[in-house]
Protein backbone atom coordinates (compact mmCIF):
# COMPACT_ATOMS: atom_id res chain seq x y z
CA MET A 1 -12.49 96.46 23.62
CA TYR A 2 -11.18 97.51 27.00
CA ILE A 3 -7.56 97.06 25.88
CA GLN A 4 -8.14 99.02 22.68
CA GLN A 5 -9.87 101.77 24.61
CA MET A 6 -6.86 101.99 26.91
CA ARG A 7 -4.68 102.33 23.82
CA PHE A 8 -6.79 104.91 21.98
CA GLY A 9 -8.35 106.67 24.97
CA SER A 10 -11.36 108.84 24.28
CA ARG A 11 -11.02 108.36 20.51
CA ILE A 12 -12.88 105.05 20.90
CA ARG A 13 -16.22 104.65 22.59
CA TYR A 14 -18.31 101.53 22.65
CA ASP A 15 -21.83 100.42 23.44
CA LEU A 16 -22.80 96.86 24.34
CA GLN A 17 -26.27 95.41 24.07
CA LEU A 18 -26.08 91.78 25.18
CA GLU A 19 -29.52 90.20 25.13
CA VAL A 20 -28.50 86.57 25.66
CA ASP A 21 -27.68 84.43 28.63
CA GLY A 22 -23.92 83.94 28.42
CA SER A 23 -24.12 80.54 30.13
CA GLU A 24 -26.45 79.29 27.40
CA THR A 25 -24.77 80.88 24.40
CA MET A 26 -21.66 79.54 22.70
CA ILE A 27 -19.70 81.56 20.16
CA PRO A 28 -16.62 80.03 18.52
CA ALA A 29 -13.35 81.12 20.13
CA PHE A 30 -11.53 84.03 18.48
CA THR A 31 -14.59 85.26 16.64
CA LEU A 32 -15.16 88.66 18.22
CA GLN A 33 -11.58 89.67 19.04
CA PRO A 34 -10.29 89.82 15.42
CA LEU A 35 -13.46 91.61 14.32
CA VAL A 36 -13.04 94.28 16.98
CA GLU A 37 -9.39 94.69 15.97
CA ASN A 38 -10.44 95.08 12.31
CA VAL A 39 -13.02 97.71 13.24
CA ILE A 40 -10.40 99.71 15.08
CA ILE A 41 -7.50 99.29 12.64
CA HIS A 42 -9.40 99.65 9.35
CA GLY A 43 -12.24 101.91 10.44
CA ILE A 44 -11.88 104.03 13.53
CA ALA A 45 -8.10 104.54 13.81
CA ARG A 46 -8.12 106.14 10.36
CA LYS A 47 -10.41 108.92 11.60
CA GLU A 48 -8.66 111.65 13.55
CA GLU A 49 -11.68 112.11 15.81
CA GLY A 50 -12.02 108.35 16.37
CA GLY A 51 -15.44 106.76 16.54
CA ARG A 52 -17.87 104.48 18.22
CA ILE A 53 -18.31 100.69 18.23
CA PHE A 54 -21.70 99.07 18.74
CA LEU A 55 -21.82 95.39 19.72
CA ARG A 56 -25.19 93.73 19.97
CA ILE A 57 -25.79 90.02 20.57
CA TRP A 58 -29.35 88.72 20.67
CA LYS A 59 -31.36 85.57 20.16
CA ARG A 60 -34.03 85.35 17.53
CA THR A 61 -35.96 82.10 17.42
CA ASP A 62 -33.27 79.39 17.16
CA LYS A 63 -30.43 81.69 16.03
CA ILE A 64 -27.90 83.91 17.72
CA ALA A 65 -27.27 87.19 15.91
CA ILE A 66 -24.08 89.16 16.51
CA SER A 67 -23.83 92.64 15.11
CA LEU A 68 -20.63 94.67 15.30
CA ALA A 69 -21.02 98.14 13.82
CA ASP A 70 -18.76 101.18 13.79
CA THR A 71 -18.69 104.83 12.79
CA GLY A 72 -15.35 104.43 11.01
CA VAL A 73 -14.33 105.28 7.46
CA GLY A 74 -16.39 102.50 5.83
CA MET A 75 -15.90 101.14 2.32
CA ASP A 76 -17.25 101.99 -1.08
CA GLU A 77 -19.47 99.48 -2.90
CA GLU A 78 -16.68 98.18 -5.14
CA THR A 79 -14.30 97.53 -2.22
CA LEU A 80 -17.06 95.77 -0.29
CA LYS A 81 -17.90 93.61 -3.31
CA ARG A 82 -14.24 92.60 -3.74
CA LEU A 83 -14.04 91.75 -0.04
CA MET A 84 -17.16 89.56 -0.10
CA ASP A 85 -16.08 87.86 -3.35
CA ALA A 86 -12.68 87.07 -1.79
CA LEU A 87 -14.35 85.64 1.33
CA LYS A 88 -16.69 83.45 -0.69
CA GLY A 89 -13.79 82.33 -2.89
CA HIS A 90 -11.65 81.45 0.18
CA ARG A 91 -8.96 83.91 -0.91
CA THR A 92 -7.82 84.88 2.59
CA ALA A 93 -4.71 86.66 1.32
CA ARG A 94 -7.00 89.36 -0.04
CA VAL A 95 -9.11 89.75 3.11
CA GLY A 96 -6.70 89.02 5.91
CA ILE A 97 -6.26 85.91 7.97
CA GLY A 98 -8.62 86.95 10.80
CA LEU A 99 -11.72 87.73 8.76
CA GLY A 100 -11.09 84.90 6.30
CA ASN A 101 -10.64 82.42 9.12
CA ILE A 102 -13.83 83.53 10.87
CA TYR A 103 -15.84 83.28 7.65
CA GLN A 104 -14.51 79.81 6.84
CA ARG A 105 -15.05 78.50 10.38
CA ILE A 106 -18.64 79.73 10.49
CA LYS A 107 -19.41 78.21 7.09
CA SER A 108 -17.77 74.88 7.97
CA MET A 109 -19.06 74.57 11.55
CA TYR A 110 -22.67 75.59 10.94
CA GLU A 111 -24.77 74.54 7.99
CA ASP A 112 -26.91 77.66 8.28
CA GLY A 113 -24.29 79.99 9.78
CA ASP A 114 -23.51 83.19 7.95
CA LEU A 115 -21.29 86.26 8.02
CA ARG A 116 -22.40 89.40 6.23
CA ILE A 117 -20.71 92.76 5.87
CA TYR A 118 -22.47 96.05 5.19
CA SER A 119 -20.61 99.31 4.66
CA ARG A 120 -20.87 102.85 3.37
CA ALA A 121 -17.87 105.01 2.61
CA GLY A 122 -17.54 107.77 5.15
CA LYS A 123 -20.26 106.31 7.38
CA GLY A 124 -18.92 103.05 8.81
CA SER A 125 -19.37 99.32 8.55
CA MET A 126 -21.30 96.49 10.15
CA VAL A 127 -20.42 92.82 10.39
CA GLN A 128 -23.32 90.53 11.19
CA ILE A 129 -22.85 86.90 12.18
CA ILE A 130 -25.73 84.45 12.36
CA LEU A 131 -25.19 81.20 14.28
CA PRO A 132 -27.52 78.48 15.47
CA ALA A 133 -28.37 78.86 19.16
CA VAL A 134 -26.17 76.20 20.76
CA ARG A 135 -26.01 75.63 24.50
CA GLU A 136 -22.71 74.90 26.22
CA GLU A 137 -23.51 71.21 26.79
CA ASP A 138 -24.38 70.81 23.09
CA TYR A 139 -21.23 72.62 21.94
CA GLN A 140 -19.00 69.64 22.66
CA LYS A 141 -20.91 67.67 20.00
CA ILE A 142 -19.99 70.09 17.21
């Protein structure tokens, strides 16, 4: 986010709410970076006034929840449905390599892992990832 903020200046603002112990929380490599890039490229950069990114990571019971929301252009219901159908059908050409790869890795690495996308045209989007809470020493076993 820092690099993108350097690029876009005051057009991008972000808020972080990290409610987990980083030494006890493992997130698959290259999960957040492509999502942040998508938020900026497909959401915020398309708005002349820019927007805001909200990243929240928290633990709930035995799960880690990651929420990345933005105030970008959002998507209409039909576009969002096509996107989710393409993800579930493993048609990465229609959703982009980054998002498709993240979705497939989460579904293959974690039996109860999930990636959900919520969006409203003109309001913004939110990607939510649910992962099992895995400590660093347990991560090597996956």
